[in-house]
PDB file of N, CA and C in Angstrom:
ATOM      1  N   MET A   1      35.632 -26.406   1.393  1.00  0.00           N
ATOM      2  CA  MET A   1      34.503 -25.756   0.764  1.00  0.00           C
ATOM      3  C   MET A   1      33.991 -24.592   1.607  1.00  0.00           C
ATOM      4  N   VAL A   2      33.988 -24.775   2.905  1.00  0.00           N
ATOM      5  CA  VAL A   2      33.489 -23.719   3.783  1.00  0.00           C
ATOM      6  C   VAL A   2      34.391 -22.494   3.704  1.00  0.00           C
ATOM      7  N   ALA A   3      35.702 -22.701   3.703  1.00  0.00           N
ATOM      8  CA  ALA A   3      36.636 -21.574   3.604  1.00  0.00           C
ATOM      9  C   ALA A   3      36.454 -20.845   2.275  1.00  0.00           C
ATOM     10  N   ALA A   4      36.283 -21.590   1.197  1.00  0.00           N
ATOM     11  CA  ALA A   4      36.076 -20.976  -0.121  1.00  0.00           C
ATOM     12  C   ALA A   4      34.755 -20.212  -0.160  1.00  0.00           C
ATOM     13  N   ALA A   5      33.732 -20.756   0.454  1.00  0.00           N
ATOM     14  CA  ALA A   5      32.430 -20.078   0.501  1.00  0.00           C
ATOM     15  C   ALA A   5      32.535 -18.777   1.289  1.00  0.00           C
ATOM     16  N   ARG A   6      33.259 -18.809   2.379  1.00  0.00           N
ATOM     17  CA  ARG A   6      33.451 -17.578   3.168  1.00  0.00           C
ATOM     18  C   ARG A   6      34.220 -16.532   2.371  1.00  0.00           C
ATOM     19  N   GLU A   7      35.197 -16.971   1.604  1.00  0.00           N
ATOM     20  CA  GLU A   7      35.956 -16.047   0.762  1.00  0.00           C
ATOM     21  C   GLU A   7      35.052 -15.465  -0.330  1.00  0.00           C
ATOM     22  N   MET A   8      34.189 -16.304  -0.902  1.00  0.00           N
ATOM     23  CA  MET A   8      33.244 -15.815  -1.914  1.00  0.00           C
ATOM     24  C   MET A   8      32.344 -14.735  -1.318  1.00  0.00           C
ATOM     25  N   LEU A   9      31.858 -14.958  -0.112  1.00  0.00           N
ATOM     26  CA  LEU A   9      31.022 -13.965   0.558  1.00  0.00           C
ATOM     27  C   LEU A   9      31.811 -12.684   0.827  1.00  0.00           C
ATOM     28  N   SER A  10      33.057 -12.821   1.242  1.00  0.00           N
ATOM     29  CA  SER A  10      33.898 -11.654   1.503  1.00  0.00           C
ATOM     30  C   SER A  10      34.093 -10.824   0.236  1.00  0.00           C
ATOM     31  N   VAL A  11      34.364 -11.485  -0.871  1.00  0.00           N
ATOM     32  CA  VAL A  11      34.533 -10.792  -2.147  1.00  0.00           C
ATOM     33  C   VAL A  11      33.220 -10.143  -2.575  1.00  0.00           C
ATOM     34  N   ALA A  12      32.116 -10.863  -2.416  1.00  0.00           N
ATOM     35  CA  ALA A  12      30.804 -10.323  -2.795  1.00  0.00           C
ATOM     36  C   ALA A  12      30.495  -9.053  -2.006  1.00  0.00           C
ATOM     37  N   ARG A  13      30.788  -9.063  -0.721  1.00  0.00           N
ATOM     38  CA  ARG A  13      30.559  -7.862   0.100  1.00  0.00           C
ATOM     39  C   ARG A  13      31.479  -6.715  -0.320  1.00  0.00           C
ATOM     40  N   ALA A  14      32.754  -7.032  -0.550  1.00  0.00           N
ATOM     41  CA  ALA A  14      33.717  -5.995  -0.935  1.00  0.00           C
ATOM     42  C   ALA A  14      33.360  -5.358  -2.273  1.00  0.00           C
ATOM     43  N   GLU A  15      32.776  -6.129  -3.162  1.00  0.00           N
ATOM     44  CA  GLU A  15      32.417  -5.642  -4.493  1.00  0.00           C
ATOM     45  C   GLU A  15      30.960  -5.172  -4.583  1.00  0.00           C
ATOM     46  N   ASN A  16      30.269  -5.140  -3.455  1.00  0.00           N
ATOM     47  CA  ASN A  16      28.866  -4.711  -3.399  1.00  0.00           C
ATOM     48  C   ASN A  16      27.978  -5.475  -4.384  1.00  0.00           C
ATOM     49  N   VAL A  17      28.140  -6.787  -4.400  1.00  0.00           N
ATOM     50  CA  VAL A  17      27.346  -7.645  -5.279  1.00  0.00           C
ATOM     51  C   VAL A  17      25.883  -7.568  -4.856  1.00  0.00           C
ATOM     52  N   ARG A  18      25.010  -7.336  -5.841  1.00  0.00           N
ATOM     53  CA  ARG A  18      23.574  -7.240  -5.566  1.00  0.00           C
ATOM     54  C   ARG A  18      22.806  -8.462  -6.043  1.00  0.00           C
ATOM     55  N   LEU A  19      23.437  -9.307  -6.859  1.00  0.00           N
ATOM     56  CA  LEU A  19      22.825 -10.532  -7.362  1.00  0.00           C
ATOM     57  C   LEU A  19      23.938 -11.502  -7.717  1.00  0.00           C
ATOM     58  N   ALA A  20      23.830 -12.729  -7.244  1.00  0.00           N
ATOM     59  CA  ALA A  20      24.809 -13.761  -7.578  1.00  0.00           C
ATOM     60  C   ALA A  20      24.179 -14.754  -8.539  1.00  0.00           C
ATOM     61  N   VAL A  21      24.786 -14.908  -9.709  1.00  0.00           N
ATOM     62  CA  VAL A  21      24.355 -15.911 -10.678  1.00  0.00           C
ATOM     63  C   VAL A  21      25.303 -17.089 -10.511  1.00  0.00           C
ATOM     64  N   LEU A  22      24.756 -18.201 -10.038  1.00  0.00           N
ATOM     65  CA  LEU A  22      25.580 -19.349  -9.673  1.00  0.00           C
ATOM     66  C   LEU A  22      25.323 -20.544 -10.572  1.00  0.00           C
ATOM     67  N   MET A  23      26.319 -21.402 -10.707  1.00  0.00           N
ATOM     68  CA  MET A  23      26.198 -22.623 -11.493  1.00  0.00           C
ATOM     69  C   MET A  23      25.469 -23.687 -10.689  1.00  0.00           C
ATOM     70  N   ASN A  24      24.671 -24.484 -11.374  1.00  0.00           N
ATOM     71  CA  ASN A  24      23.995 -25.607 -10.729  1.00  0.00           C
ATOM     72  C   ASN A  24      24.974 -26.736 -10.421  1.00  0.00           C
ATOM     73  N   ILE A  25      24.577 -27.560  -9.497  1.00  0.00           N
ATOM     74  CA  ILE A  25      25.283 -28.786  -9.140  1.00  0.00           C
ATOM     75  C   ILE A  25      26.724 -28.496  -8.715  1.00  0.00           C
ATOM     76  N   SER A  26      26.855 -27.572  -7.794  1.00  0.00           N
ATOM     77  CA  SER A  26      28.158 -27.241  -7.226  1.00  0.00           C
ATOM     78  C   SER A  26      27.933 -26.736  -5.806  1.00  0.00           C
ATOM     79  N   ALA A  27      28.998 -26.507  -5.097  1.00  0.00           N
ATOM     80  CA  ALA A  27      28.876 -25.991  -3.734  1.00  0.00           C
ATOM     81  C   ALA A  27      28.291 -24.587  -3.711  1.00  0.00           C
ATOM     82  N   ALA A  28      28.278 -23.951  -4.859  1.00  0.00           N
ATOM     83  CA  ALA A  28      27.770 -22.589  -4.947  1.00  0.00           C
ATOM     84  C   ALA A  28      26.350 -22.531  -5.488  1.00  0.00           C
ATOM     85  N   SER A  29      25.693 -23.655  -5.574  1.00  0.00           N
ATOM     86  CA  SER A  29      24.457 -23.699  -6.347  1.00  0.00           C
ATOM     87  C   SER A  29      23.167 -23.774  -5.547  1.00  0.00           C
ATOM     88  N   ARG A  30      22.086 -23.778  -6.308  1.00  0.00           N
ATOM     89  CA  ARG A  30      20.747 -23.986  -5.770  1.00  0.00           C
ATOM     90  C   ARG A  30      20.220 -25.362  -6.131  1.00  0.00           C
ATOM     91  N   VAL A  31      20.955 -26.125  -6.926  1.00  0.00           N
ATOM     92  CA  VAL A  31      20.622 -27.504  -7.269  1.00  0.00           C
ATOM     93  C   VAL A  31      21.828 -28.349  -6.891  1.00  0.00           C
ATOM     94  N   ILE A  32      21.605 -29.367  -6.066  1.00  0.00           N
ATOM     95  CA  ILE A  32      22.705 -30.171  -5.558  1.00  0.00           C
ATOM     96  C   ILE A  32      22.392 -31.653  -5.739  1.00  0.00           C
ATOM     97  N   TYR A  33      23.404 -32.490  -5.528  1.00  0.00           N
ATOM     98  CA  TYR A  33      23.192 -33.930  -5.556  1.00  0.00           C
ATOM     99  C   TYR A  33      22.425 -34.359  -4.314  1.00  0.00           C
ATOM    100  N   ALA A  34      21.576 -35.373  -4.469  1.00  0.00           N
ATOM    101  CA  ALA A  34      20.789 -35.899  -3.346  1.00  0.00           C
ATOM    102  C   ALA A  34      21.443 -37.166  -2.814  1.00  0.00           C
ATOM    103  N   GLY A  35      22.721 -37.140  -2.579  1.00  0.00           N
ATOM    104  CA  GLY A  35      23.451 -38.300  -2.088  1.00  0.00           C
ATOM    105  C   GLY A  35      24.846 -38.310  -2.672  1.00  0.00           C
ATOM    106  N   LYS A  36      25.405 -39.516  -2.836  1.00  0.00           N
ATOM    107  CA  LYS A  36      26.741 -39.608  -3.418  1.00  0.00           C
ATOM    108  C   LYS A  36      26.716 -39.054  -4.830  1.00  0.00           C
ATOM    109  N   ARG A  37      27.734 -38.317  -5.164  1.00  0.00           N
ATOM    110  CA  ARG A  37      27.766 -37.508  -6.378  1.00  0.00           C
ATOM    111  C   ARG A  37      27.371 -38.255  -7.648  1.00  0.00           C
ATOM    112  N   ARG A  38      27.978 -39.341  -7.969  1.00  0.00           N
ATOM    113  CA  ARG A  38      27.730 -39.994  -9.251  1.00  0.00           C
ATOM    114  C   ARG A  38      26.474 -40.850  -9.272  1.00  0.00           C
ATOM    115  N   ALA A  39      26.024 -41.300  -8.135  1.00  0.00           N
ATOM    116  CA  ALA A  39      24.893 -42.227  -8.095  1.00  0.00           C
ATOM    117  C   ALA A  39      23.564 -41.544  -7.796  1.00  0.00           C
ATOM    118  N   ALA A  40      23.607 -40.308  -7.373  1.00  0.00           N
ATOM    119  CA  ALA A  40      22.389 -39.668  -6.871  1.00  0.00           C
ATOM    120  C   ALA A  40      21.742 -38.758  -7.903  1.00  0.00           C
ATOM    121  N   PRO A  41      20.433 -38.646  -7.821  1.00  0.00           N
ATOM    122  CA  PRO A  41      19.743 -37.645  -8.658  1.00  0.00           C
ATOM    123  C   PRO A  41      19.964 -36.255  -8.067  1.00  0.00           C
ATOM    124  N   TYR A  42      19.516 -35.268  -8.780  1.00  0.00           N
ATOM    125  CA  TYR A  42      19.620 -33.889  -8.299  1.00  0.00           C
ATOM    126  C   TYR A  42      18.394 -33.542  -7.476  1.00  0.00           C
ATOM    127  N   ARG A  43      18.541 -32.515  -6.642  1.00  0.00           N
ATOM    128  CA  ARG A  43      17.404 -32.002  -5.889  1.00  0.00           C
ATOM    129  C   ARG A  43      17.624 -30.516  -5.656  1.00  0.00           C
ATOM    130  N   ILE A  44      16.562 -29.819  -5.364  1.00  0.00           N
ATOM    131  CA  ILE A  44      16.666 -28.409  -5.020  1.00  0.00           C
ATOM    132  C   ILE A  44      17.288 -28.317  -3.628  1.00  0.00           C
ATOM    133  N   GLY A  45      18.236 -27.482  -3.486  1.00  0.00           N
ATOM    134  CA  GLY A  45      18.894 -27.294  -2.200  1.00  0.00           C
ATOM    135  C   GLY A  45      20.066 -26.343  -2.379  1.00  0.00           C
ATOM    136  N   ARG A  46      20.491 -25.736  -1.321  1.00  0.00           N
ATOM    137  CA  ARG A  46      21.583 -24.771  -1.401  1.00  0.00           C
ATOM    138  C   ARG A  46      22.905 -25.436  -1.099  1.00  0.00           C
ATOM    139  N   GLY A  47      23.889 -25.107  -1.923  1.00  0.00           N
ATOM    140  CA  GLY A  47      25.253 -25.486  -1.622  1.00  0.00           C
ATOM    141  C   GLY A  47      25.798 -24.551  -0.547  1.00  0.00           C
ATOM    142  N   VAL A  48      27.016 -24.795  -0.126  1.00  0.00           N
ATOM    143  CA  VAL A  48      27.630 -24.037   0.969  1.00  0.00           C
ATOM    144  C   VAL A  48      27.681 -22.539   0.660  1.00  0.00           C
ATOM    145  N   ALA A  49      28.229 -22.171  -0.488  1.00  0.00           N
ATOM    146  CA  ALA A  49      28.362 -20.757  -0.832  1.00  0.00           C
ATOM    147  C   ALA A  49      27.005 -20.103  -1.047  1.00  0.00           C
ATOM    148  N   ALA A  50      26.097 -20.808  -1.704  1.00  0.00           N
ATOM    149  CA  ALA A  50      24.760 -20.260  -1.934  1.00  0.00           C
ATOM    150  C   ALA A  50      24.070 -19.963  -0.603  1.00  0.00           C
ATOM    151  N   ALA A  51      24.229 -20.851   0.350  1.00  0.00           N
ATOM    152  CA  ALA A  51      23.611 -20.642   1.663  1.00  0.00           C
ATOM    153  C   ALA A  51      24.197 -19.414   2.355  1.00  0.00           C
ATOM    154  N   LEU A  52      25.513 -19.251   2.324  1.00  0.00           N
ATOM    155  CA  LEU A  52      26.132 -18.084   2.959  1.00  0.00           C
ATOM    156  C   LEU A  52      25.710 -16.783   2.285  1.00  0.00           C
ATOM    157  N   LEU A  53      25.686 -16.779   0.961  1.00  0.00           N
ATOM    158  CA  LEU A  53      25.273 -15.573   0.236  1.00  0.00           C
ATOM    159  C   LEU A  53      23.823 -15.218   0.574  1.00  0.00           C
ATOM    160  N   ALA A  54      22.956 -16.205   0.546  1.00  0.00           N
ATOM    161  CA  ALA A  54      21.541 -15.956   0.837  1.00  0.00           C
ATOM    162  C   ALA A  54      21.354 -15.463   2.270  1.00  0.00           C
ATOM    163  N   GLU A  55      22.048 -16.077   3.214  1.00  0.00           N
ATOM    164  CA  GLU A  55      21.950 -15.647   4.616  1.00  0.00           C
ATOM    165  C   GLU A  55      22.440 -14.212   4.796  1.00  0.00           C
ATOM    166  N   ALA A  56      23.355 -13.776   3.933  1.00  0.00           N
ATOM    167  CA  ALA A  56      23.877 -12.408   3.992  1.00  0.00           C
ATOM    168  C   ALA A  56      22.975 -11.425   3.245  1.00  0.00           C
ATOM    169  N   GLY A  57      21.881 -11.941   2.681  1.00  0.00           N
ATOM    170  CA  GLY A  57      20.932 -11.065   1.997  1.00  0.00           C
ATOM    171  C   GLY A  57      21.232 -10.824   0.524  1.00  0.00           C
ATOM    172  N   ILE A  58      22.137 -11.589  -0.041  1.00  0.00           N
ATOM    173  CA  ILE A  58      22.456 -11.454  -1.469  1.00  0.00           C
ATOM    174  C   ILE A  58      21.598 -12.446  -2.238  1.00  0.00           C
ATOM    175  N   PRO A  59      20.717 -11.967  -3.104  1.00  0.00           N
ATOM    176  CA  PRO A  59      19.864 -12.877  -3.872  1.00  0.00           C
ATOM    177  C   PRO A  59      20.717 -13.761  -4.782  1.00  0.00           C
ATOM    178  N   ILE A  60      20.286 -15.012  -4.946  1.00  0.00           N
ATOM    179  CA  ILE A  60      20.984 -15.936  -5.827  1.00  0.00           C
ATOM    180  C   ILE A  60      20.022 -16.458  -6.879  1.00  0.00           C
ATOM    181  N   VAL A  61      20.572 -16.712  -8.054  1.00  0.00           N
ATOM    182  CA  VAL A  61      19.786 -17.271  -9.150  1.00  0.00           C
ATOM    183  C   VAL A  61      20.688 -18.229  -9.920  1.00  0.00           C
ATOM    184  N   SER A  62      20.107 -19.295 -10.445  1.00  0.00           N
ATOM    185  CA  SER A  62      20.846 -20.264 -11.240  1.00  0.00           C
ATOM    186  C   SER A  62      21.147 -19.713 -12.622  1.00  0.00           C
ATOM    187  N   GLN A  63      22.291 -20.094 -13.177  1.00  0.00           N
ATOM    188  CA  GLN A  63      22.620 -19.681 -14.532  1.00  0.00           C
ATOM    189  C   GLN A  63      21.672 -20.310 -15.539  1.00  0.00           C
ATOM    190  N   ARG A  64      20.920 -21.312 -15.140  1.00  0.00           N
ATOM    191  CA  ARG A  64      19.951 -21.976 -16.022  1.00  0.00           C
ATOM    192  C   ARG A  64      18.515 -21.529 -15.786  1.00  0.00           C
ATOM    193  N   ASP A  65      18.331 -20.582 -14.915  1.00  0.00           N
ATOM    194  CA  ASP A  65      16.985 -20.068 -14.633  1.00  0.00           C
ATOM    195  C   ASP A  65      16.680 -18.960 -15.631  1.00  0.00           C
ATOM    196  N   TRP A  66      16.414 -19.360 -16.865  1.00  0.00           N
ATOM    197  CA  TRP A  66      16.221 -18.403 -17.953  1.00  0.00           C
ATOM    198  C   TRP A  66      15.061 -17.460 -17.710  1.00  0.00           C
ATOM    199  N   LYS A  67      14.000 -17.953 -17.115  1.00  0.00           N
ATOM    200  CA  LYS A  67      12.823 -17.107 -16.870  1.00  0.00           C
ATOM    201  C   LYS A  67      13.183 -15.934 -15.961  1.00  0.00           C
ATOM    202  N   THR A  68      13.843 -16.214 -14.852  1.00  0.00           N
ATOM    203  CA  THR A  68      14.237 -15.154 -13.917  1.00  0.00           C
ATOM    204  C   THR A  68      15.272 -14.233 -14.550  1.00  0.00           C
ATOM    205  N   LEU A  69      16.284 -14.796 -15.199  1.00  0.00           N
ATOM    206  CA  LEU A  69      17.321 -13.975 -15.815  1.00  0.00           C
ATOM    207  C   LEU A  69      16.749 -13.081 -16.906  1.00  0.00           C
ATOM    208  N   ASP A  70      15.808 -13.607 -17.683  1.00  0.00           N
ATOM    209  CA  ASP A  70      15.185 -12.794 -18.726  1.00  0.00           C
ATOM    210  C   ASP A  70      14.432 -11.614 -18.116  1.00  0.00           C
ATOM    211  N   ARG A  71      13.733 -11.849 -17.012  1.00  0.00           N
ATOM    212  CA  ARG A  71      12.995 -10.761 -16.347  1.00  0.00           C
ATOM    213  C   ARG A  71      13.947  -9.723 -15.782  1.00  0.00           C
ATOM    214  N   ILE A  72      15.074 -10.159 -15.264  1.00  0.00           N
ATOM    215  CA  ILE A  72      16.039  -9.231 -14.674  1.00  0.00           C
ATOM    216  C   ILE A  72      16.721  -8.373 -15.738  1.00  0.00           C
ATOM    217  N   PHE A  73      17.111  -9.005 -16.843  1.00  0.00           N
ATOM    218  CA  PHE A  73      17.945  -8.322 -17.821  1.00  0.00           C
ATOM    219  C   PHE A  73      17.210  -7.857 -19.067  1.00  0.00           C
ATOM    220  N   SER A  74      15.887  -8.003 -19.128  1.00  0.00           N
ATOM    221  CA  SER A  74      15.135  -7.486 -20.269  1.00  0.00           C
ATOM    222  C   SER A  74      15.020  -5.966 -20.180  1.00  0.00           C
ATOM    223  N   PRO A  75      15.173  -5.279 -21.311  1.00  0.00           N
ATOM    224  CA  PRO A  75      15.042  -3.819 -21.298  1.00  0.00           C
ATOM    225  C   PRO A  75      13.708  -3.385 -20.716  1.00  0.00           C
ATOM    226  N   GLY A  76      13.751  -2.424 -19.816  1.00  0.00           N
ATOM    227  CA  GLY A  76      12.540  -1.884 -19.220  1.00  0.00           C
ATOM    228  C   GLY A  76      12.027  -2.648 -18.016  1.00  0.00           C
ATOM    229  N   LEU A  77      12.615  -3.841 -17.715  1.00  0.00           N
ATOM    230  CA  LEU A  77      12.111  -4.617 -16.607  1.00  0.00           C
ATOM    231  C   LEU A  77      13.063  -4.672 -15.428  1.00  0.00           C
ATOM    232  N   GLY A  78      14.324  -4.730 -15.699  1.00  0.00           N
ATOM    233  CA  GLY A  78      15.283  -4.897 -14.613  1.00  0.00           C
ATOM    234  C   GLY A  78      16.450  -3.959 -14.785  1.00  0.00           C
ATOM    235  N   THR A  79      17.630  -4.557 -14.808  1.00  0.00           N
ATOM    236  CA  THR A  79      18.846  -3.746 -14.917  1.00  0.00           C
ATOM    237  C   THR A  79      19.294  -3.606 -16.363  1.00  0.00           C
ATOM    238  N   GLY A  80      18.621  -4.298 -17.311  1.00  0.00           N
ATOM    239  CA  GLY A  80      19.059  -4.322 -18.705  1.00  0.00           C
ATOM    240  C   GLY A  80      18.699  -3.102 -19.477  1.00  0.00           C
TER     241      GLY A  80
END
């Protein structure tokens, strides 16, 4: 996972990524399992890739964070 996260960061830098939209409940996410995968509830926390991207200054947002995504991509408000 660490090697894949480093590769994700390398690609993000090479492509000048300014915002990463990541899936929840994965190594790339902002929502992770709070223990063993199948038995644990979810909790807010950074996965491996999300942590590396954030530490590199690349903002991250969940694909399910509709409020933030709407603000970013609405005409006249963000990049939309």
